[in-house]
Amino acid sequence: MSVQELEAAVAQLDPEELARFAKWFEEYQADEWDRQFEADVAAGRLEALGRQADEDFEAGRATAL
């Protein structure tokens, strides 16, 4: 199925179905983001960022939230 076909199908949903689809898609995207983040952590892709954050904190370059 192409993106154009998906767009056409979504455009035909009634408001209740559209709300259900939107909720599902938001959850799907969040789950995909989580999976990618976990894969990046497992592969060590965030190590440099973690070290930089530690260095910034130790040097007093961090701001409390």
PDB file of N, CA and C in Angstrom:
ATOM      1  N   MET A   1       0.851  -1.174   0.000  1.00  0.00           N
ATOM      2  CA  MET A   1       0.000   0.000   0.000  1.00  0.00           C
ATOM      3  C   MET A   1       0.895   1.234   0.000  1.00  0.00           C
ATOM      4  N   SER A   2       0.573   2.202  -0.818  1.00  0.00           N
ATOM      5  CA  SER A   2       1.372   3.425  -0.914  1.00  0.00           C
ATOM      6  C   SER A   2       0.903   4.455   0.112  1.00  0.00           C
ATOM      7  N   VAL A   3       1.717   5.464   0.292  1.00  0.00           N
ATOM      8  CA  VAL A   3       1.353   6.549   1.203  1.00  0.00           C
ATOM      9  C   VAL A   3       0.100   7.245   0.693  1.00  0.00           C
ATOM     10  N   GLN A   4      -0.007   7.423  -0.605  1.00  0.00           N
ATOM     11  CA  GLN A   4      -1.202   8.064  -1.171  1.00  0.00           C
ATOM     12  C   GLN A   4      -2.452   7.239  -0.870  1.00  0.00           C
ATOM     13  N   GLU A   5      -2.348   5.927  -0.946  1.00  0.00           N
ATOM     14  CA  GLU A   5      -3.492   5.067  -0.639  1.00  0.00           C
ATOM     15  C   GLU A   5      -3.849   5.161   0.840  1.00  0.00           C
ATOM     16  N   LEU A   6      -2.850   5.207   1.689  1.00  0.00           N
ATOM     17  CA  LEU A   6      -3.099   5.371   3.124  1.00  0.00           C
ATOM     18  C   LEU A   6      -3.769   6.709   3.414  1.00  0.00           C
ATOM     19  N   GLU A   7      -3.264   7.763   2.799  1.00  0.00           N
ATOM     20  CA  GLU A   7      -3.852   9.089   2.995  1.00  0.00           C
ATOM     21  C   GLU A   7      -5.315   9.101   2.572  1.00  0.00           C
ATOM     22  N   ALA A   8      -5.618   8.484   1.441  1.00  0.00           N
ATOM     23  CA  ALA A   8      -6.991   8.443   0.952  1.00  0.00           C
ATOM     24  C   ALA A   8      -7.878   7.649   1.901  1.00  0.00           C
ATOM     25  N   ALA A   9      -7.371   6.543   2.426  1.00  0.00           N
ATOM     26  CA  ALA A   9      -8.154   5.727   3.352  1.00  0.00           C
ATOM     27  C   ALA A   9      -8.415   6.490   4.653  1.00  0.00           C
ATOM     28  N   VAL A  10      -7.395   7.168   5.164  1.00  0.00           N
ATOM     29  CA  VAL A  10      -7.560   7.920   6.409  1.00  0.00           C
ATOM     30  C   VAL A  10      -8.555   9.058   6.205  1.00  0.00           C
ATOM     31  N   ALA A  11      -8.507   9.698   5.050  1.00  0.00           N
ATOM     32  CA  ALA A  11      -9.421  10.808   4.767  1.00  0.00           C
ATOM     33  C   ALA A  11     -10.876  10.363   4.753  1.00  0.00           C
ATOM     34  N   GLN A  12     -11.117   9.072   4.550  1.00  0.00           N
ATOM     35  CA  GLN A  12     -12.486   8.565   4.488  1.00  0.00           C
ATOM     36  C   GLN A  12     -13.021   8.098   5.842  1.00  0.00           C
ATOM     37  N   LEU A  13     -12.199   8.104   6.868  1.00  0.00           N
ATOM     38  CA  LEU A  13     -12.641   7.648   8.177  1.00  0.00           C
ATOM     39  C   LEU A  13     -13.636   8.639   8.789  1.00  0.00           C
ATOM     40  N   ASP A  14     -14.622   8.087   9.492  1.00  0.00           N
ATOM     41  CA  ASP A  14     -15.532   8.987  10.204  1.00  0.00           C
ATOM     42  C   ASP A  14     -14.802   9.509  11.446  1.00  0.00           C
ATOM     43  N   PRO A  15     -15.305  10.549  12.082  1.00  0.00           N
ATOM     44  CA  PRO A  15     -14.582  11.166  13.199  1.00  0.00           C
ATOM     45  C   PRO A  15     -14.197  10.191  14.319  1.00  0.00           C
ATOM     46  N   GLU A  16     -15.070   9.262  14.663  1.00  0.00           N
ATOM     47  CA  GLU A  16     -14.747   8.305  15.729  1.00  0.00           C
ATOM     48  C   GLU A  16     -13.613   7.374  15.304  1.00  0.00           C
ATOM     49  N   GLU A  17     -13.683   6.872  14.076  1.00  0.00           N
ATOM     50  CA  GLU A  17     -12.622   5.995  13.574  1.00  0.00           C
ATOM     51  C   GLU A  17     -11.303   6.758  13.456  1.00  0.00           C
ATOM     52  N   LEU A  18     -11.390   8.018  13.025  1.00  0.00           N
ATOM     53  CA  LEU A  18     -10.189   8.836  12.894  1.00  0.00           C
ATOM     54  C   LEU A  18      -9.532   9.040  14.261  1.00  0.00           C
ATOM     55  N   ALA A  19     -10.326   9.279  15.280  1.00  0.00           N
ATOM     56  CA  ALA A  19      -9.782   9.446  16.628  1.00  0.00           C
ATOM     57  C   ALA A  19      -9.109   8.154  17.095  1.00  0.00           C
ATOM     58  N   ARG A  20      -9.743   7.012  16.842  1.00  0.00           N
ATOM     59  CA  ARG A  20      -9.145   5.729  17.227  1.00  0.00           C
ATOM     60  C   ARG A  20      -7.841   5.492  16.480  1.00  0.00           C
ATOM     61  N   PHE A  21      -7.844   5.791  15.181  1.00  0.00           N
ATOM     62  CA  PHE A  21      -6.634   5.625  14.383  1.00  0.00           C
ATOM     63  C   PHE A  21      -5.526   6.548  14.880  1.00  0.00           C
ATOM     64  N   ALA A  22      -5.869   7.808  15.159  1.00  0.00           N
ATOM     65  CA  ALA A  22      -4.876   8.777  15.621  1.00  0.00           C
ATOM     66  C   ALA A  22      -4.249   8.308  16.934  1.00  0.00           C
ATOM     67  N   LYS A  23      -5.054   7.797  17.838  1.00  0.00           N
ATOM     68  CA  LYS A  23      -4.545   7.296  19.114  1.00  0.00           C
ATOM     69  C   LYS A  23      -3.607   6.111  18.877  1.00  0.00           C
ATOM     70  N   TRP A  24      -4.039   5.178  18.028  1.00  0.00           N
ATOM     71  CA  TRP A  24      -3.195   4.025  17.720  1.00  0.00           C
ATOM     72  C   TRP A  24      -1.878   4.465  17.101  1.00  0.00           C
ATOM     73  N   PHE A  25      -1.933   5.387  16.142  1.00  0.00           N
ATOM     74  CA  PHE A  25      -0.724   5.807  15.441  1.00  0.00           C
ATOM     75  C   PHE A  25       0.234   6.535  16.379  1.00  0.00           C
ATOM     76  N   GLU A  26      -0.296   7.352  17.268  1.00  0.00           N
ATOM     77  CA  GLU A  26       0.552   8.039  18.250  1.00  0.00           C
ATOM     78  C   GLU A  26       1.273   7.023  19.130  1.00  0.00           C
ATOM     79  N   GLU A  27       0.557   6.005  19.584  1.00  0.00           N
ATOM     80  CA  GLU A  27       1.167   4.958  20.400  1.00  0.00           C
ATOM     81  C   GLU A  27       2.196   4.169  19.593  1.00  0.00           C
ATOM     82  N   TYR A  28       1.891   3.898  18.338  1.00  0.00           N
ATOM     83  CA  TYR A  28       2.819   3.186  17.457  1.00  0.00           C
ATOM     84  C   TYR A  28       4.115   3.972  17.306  1.00  0.00           C
ATOM     85  N   GLN A  29       4.009   5.271  17.053  1.00  0.00           N
ATOM     86  CA  GLN A  29       5.198   6.095  16.898  1.00  0.00           C
ATOM     87  C   GLN A  29       6.019   6.136  18.182  1.00  0.00           C
ATOM     88  N   ALA A  30       5.354   6.240  19.321  1.00  0.00           N
ATOM     89  CA  ALA A  30       6.065   6.259  20.600  1.00  0.00           C
ATOM     90  C   ALA A  30       6.800   4.942  20.826  1.00  0.00           C
ATOM     91  N   ASP A  31       6.147   3.831  20.500  1.00  0.00           N
ATOM     92  CA  ASP A  31       6.788   2.520  20.648  1.00  0.00           C
ATOM     93  C   ASP A  31       7.993   2.393  19.710  1.00  0.00           C
ATOM     94  N   GLU A  32       7.851   2.883  18.489  1.00  0.00           N
ATOM     95  CA  GLU A  32       8.967   2.839  17.542  1.00  0.00           C
ATOM     96  C   GLU A  32      10.135   3.674  18.053  1.00  0.00           C
ATOM     97  N   TRP A  33       9.858   4.853  18.611  1.00  0.00           N
ATOM     98  CA  TRP A  33      10.902   5.710  19.156  1.00  0.00           C
ATOM     99  C   TRP A  33      11.612   4.985  20.294  1.00  0.00           C
ATOM    100  N   ASP A  34      10.834   4.357  21.174  1.00  0.00           N
ATOM    101  CA  ASP A  34      11.425   3.606  22.291  1.00  0.00           C
ATOM    102  C   ASP A  34      12.336   2.497  21.789  1.00  0.00           C
ATOM    103  N   ARG A  35      11.874   1.739  20.777  1.00  0.00           N
ATOM    104  CA  ARG A  35      12.685   0.648  20.234  1.00  0.00           C
ATOM    105  C   ARG A  35      13.994   1.176  19.636  1.00  0.00           C
ATOM    106  N   GLN A  36      13.907   2.292  18.917  1.00  0.00           N
ATOM    107  CA  GLN A  36      15.108   2.861  18.310  1.00  0.00           C
ATOM    108  C   GLN A  36      16.065   3.365  19.382  1.00  0.00           C
ATOM    109  N   PHE A  37      15.526   4.023  20.410  1.00  0.00           N
ATOM    110  CA  PHE A  37      16.361   4.514  21.506  1.00  0.00           C
ATOM    111  C   PHE A  37      17.068   3.359  22.195  1.00  0.00           C
ATOM    112  N   GLU A  38      16.327   2.299  22.486  1.00  0.00           N
ATOM    113  CA  GLU A  38      16.923   1.132  23.134  1.00  0.00           C
ATOM    114  C   GLU A  38      18.002   0.502  22.260  1.00  0.00           C
ATOM    115  N   ALA A  39      17.773   0.447  20.964  1.00  0.00           N
ATOM    116  CA  ALA A  39      18.775  -0.097  20.046  1.00  0.00           C
ATOM    117  C   ALA A  39      20.025   0.787  20.025  1.00  0.00           C
ATOM    118  N   ASP A  40      19.820   2.111  20.045  1.00  0.00           N
ATOM    119  CA  ASP A  40      20.959   3.028  20.062  1.00  0.00           C
ATOM    120  C   ASP A  40      21.755   2.882  21.353  1.00  0.00           C
ATOM    121  N   VAL A  41      21.070   2.725  22.482  1.00  0.00           N
ATOM    122  CA  VAL A  41      21.760   2.535  23.763  1.00  0.00           C
ATOM    123  C   VAL A  41      22.554   1.233  23.723  1.00  0.00           C
ATOM    124  N   ALA A  42      21.915   0.160  23.281  1.00  0.00           N
ATOM    125  CA  ALA A  42      22.575  -1.145  23.241  1.00  0.00           C
ATOM    126  C   ALA A  42      23.797  -1.124  22.321  1.00  0.00           C
ATOM    127  N   ALA A  43      23.736  -0.329  21.263  1.00  0.00           N
ATOM    128  CA  ALA A  43      24.849  -0.257  20.307  1.00  0.00           C
ATOM    129  C   ALA A  43      25.923   0.736  20.752  1.00  0.00           C
ATOM    130  N   GLY A  44      25.692   1.425  21.870  1.00  0.00           N
ATOM    131  CA  GLY A  44      26.678   2.368  22.372  1.00  0.00           C
ATOM    132  C   GLY A  44      26.692   3.707  21.662  1.00  0.00           C
ATOM    133  N   ARG A  45      25.659   3.995  20.884  1.00  0.00           N
ATOM    134  CA  ARG A  45      25.635   5.242  20.112  1.00  0.00           C
ATOM    135  C   ARG A  45      25.466   6.489  20.975  1.00  0.00           C
ATOM    136  N   LEU A  46      25.076   6.315  22.230  1.00  0.00           N
ATOM    137  CA  LEU A  46      24.837   7.472  23.100  1.00  0.00           C
ATOM    138  C   LEU A  46      25.942   7.665  24.139  1.00  0.00           C
ATOM    139  N   GLU A  47      26.963   6.845  24.065  1.00  0.00           N
ATOM    140  CA  GLU A  47      28.049   6.918  25.051  1.00  0.00           C
ATOM    141  C   GLU A  47      28.708   8.292  25.065  1.00  0.00           C
ATOM    142  N   ALA A  48      29.021   8.827  23.908  1.00  0.00           N
ATOM    143  CA  ALA A  48      29.696  10.128  23.840  1.00  0.00           C
ATOM    144  C   ALA A  48      28.815  11.219  24.429  1.00  0.00           C
ATOM    145  N   LEU A  49      27.529  11.161  24.171  1.00  0.00           N
ATOM    146  CA  LEU A  49      26.620  12.154  24.739  1.00  0.00           C
ATOM    147  C   LEU A  49      26.563  12.053  26.253  1.00  0.00           C
ATOM    148  N   GLY A  50      26.554  10.849  26.768  1.00  0.00           N
ATOM    149  CA  GLY A  50      26.547  10.644  28.209  1.00  0.00           C
ATOM    150  C   GLY A  50      27.810  11.184  28.859  1.00  0.00           C
ATOM    151  N   ARG A  51      28.954  10.914  28.234  1.00  0.00           N
ATOM    152  CA  ARG A  51      30.219  11.429  28.765  1.00  0.00           C
ATOM    153  C   ARG A  51      30.227  12.955  28.756  1.00  0.00           C
ATOM    154  N   GLN A  52      29.721  13.537  27.667  1.00  0.00           N
ATOM    155  CA  GLN A  52      29.683  15.004  27.574  1.00  0.00           C
ATOM    156  C   GLN A  52      28.766  15.586  28.642  1.00  0.00           C
ATOM    157  N   ALA A  53      27.639  14.953  28.878  1.00  0.00           N
ATOM    158  CA  ALA A  53      26.721  15.425  29.916  1.00  0.00           C
ATOM    159  C   ALA A  53      27.381  15.352  31.287  1.00  0.00           C
ATOM    160  N   ASP A  54      28.086  14.264  31.560  1.00  0.00           N
ATOM    161  CA  ASP A  54      28.800  14.132  32.838  1.00  0.00           C
ATOM    162  C   ASP A  54      29.858  15.225  32.984  1.00  0.00           C
ATOM    163  N   GLU A  55      30.615  15.450  31.927  1.00  0.00           N
ATOM    164  CA  GLU A  55      31.649  16.488  31.966  1.00  0.00           C
ATOM    165  C   GLU A  55      31.044  17.866  32.205  1.00  0.00           C
ATOM    166  N   ASP A  56      29.953  18.165  31.512  1.00  0.00           N
ATOM    167  CA  ASP A  56      29.292  19.459  31.685  1.00  0.00           C
ATOM    168  C   ASP A  56      28.779  19.618  33.113  1.00  0.00           C
ATOM    169  N   PHE A  57      28.214  18.567  33.673  1.00  0.00           N
ATOM    170  CA  PHE A  57      27.710  18.627  35.044  1.00  0.00           C
ATOM    171  C   PHE A  57      28.854  18.870  36.017  1.00  0.00           C
ATOM    172  N   GLU A  58      29.919  18.111  35.874  1.00  0.00           N
ATOM    173  CA  GLU A  58      31.057  18.236  36.770  1.00  0.00           C
ATOM    174  C   GLU A  58      31.706  19.615  36.663  1.00  0.00           C
ATOM    175  N   ALA A  59      31.666  20.218  35.480  1.00  0.00           N
ATOM    176  CA  ALA A  59      32.267  21.541  35.269  1.00  0.00           C
ATOM    177  C   ALA A  59      31.318  22.668  35.650  1.00  0.00           C
ATOM    178  N   GLY A  60      30.120  22.336  36.125  1.00  0.00           N
ATOM    179  CA  GLY A  60      29.161  23.369  36.519  1.00  0.00           C
ATOM    180  C   GLY A  60      28.430  23.997  35.365  1.00  0.00           C
ATOM    181  N   ARG A  61      28.401  23.308  34.241  1.00  0.00           N
ATOM    182  CA  ARG A  61      27.702  23.848  33.059  1.00  0.00           C
ATOM    183  C   ARG A  61      26.314  23.254  32.909  1.00  0.00           C
ATOM    184  N   ALA A  62      25.717  22.849  34.021  1.00  0.00           N
ATOM    185  CA  ALA A  62      24.372  22.257  33.980  1.00  0.00           C
ATOM    186  C   ALA A  62      23.406  23.177  34.734  1.00  0.00           C
ATOM    187  N   THR A  63      22.190  23.222  34.287  1.00  0.00           N
ATOM    188  CA  THR A  63      21.166  24.042  34.921  1.00  0.00           C
ATOM    189  C   THR A  63      20.086  23.137  35.476  1.00  0.00           C
ATOM    190  N   ALA A  64      19.690  23.354  36.712  1.00  0.00           N
ATOM    191  CA  ALA A  64      18.615  22.561  37.296  1.00  0.00           C
ATOM    192  C   ALA A  64      17.323  22.825  36.554  1.00  0.00           C
ATOM    193  N   LEU A  65      16.551  21.774  36.383  1.00  0.00           N
ATOM    194  CA  LEU A  65      15.269  21.935  35.691  1.00  0.00           C
ATOM    195  C   LEU A  65      14.197  22.398  36.626  1.00  0.00           C
TER     196      LEU A  65
END
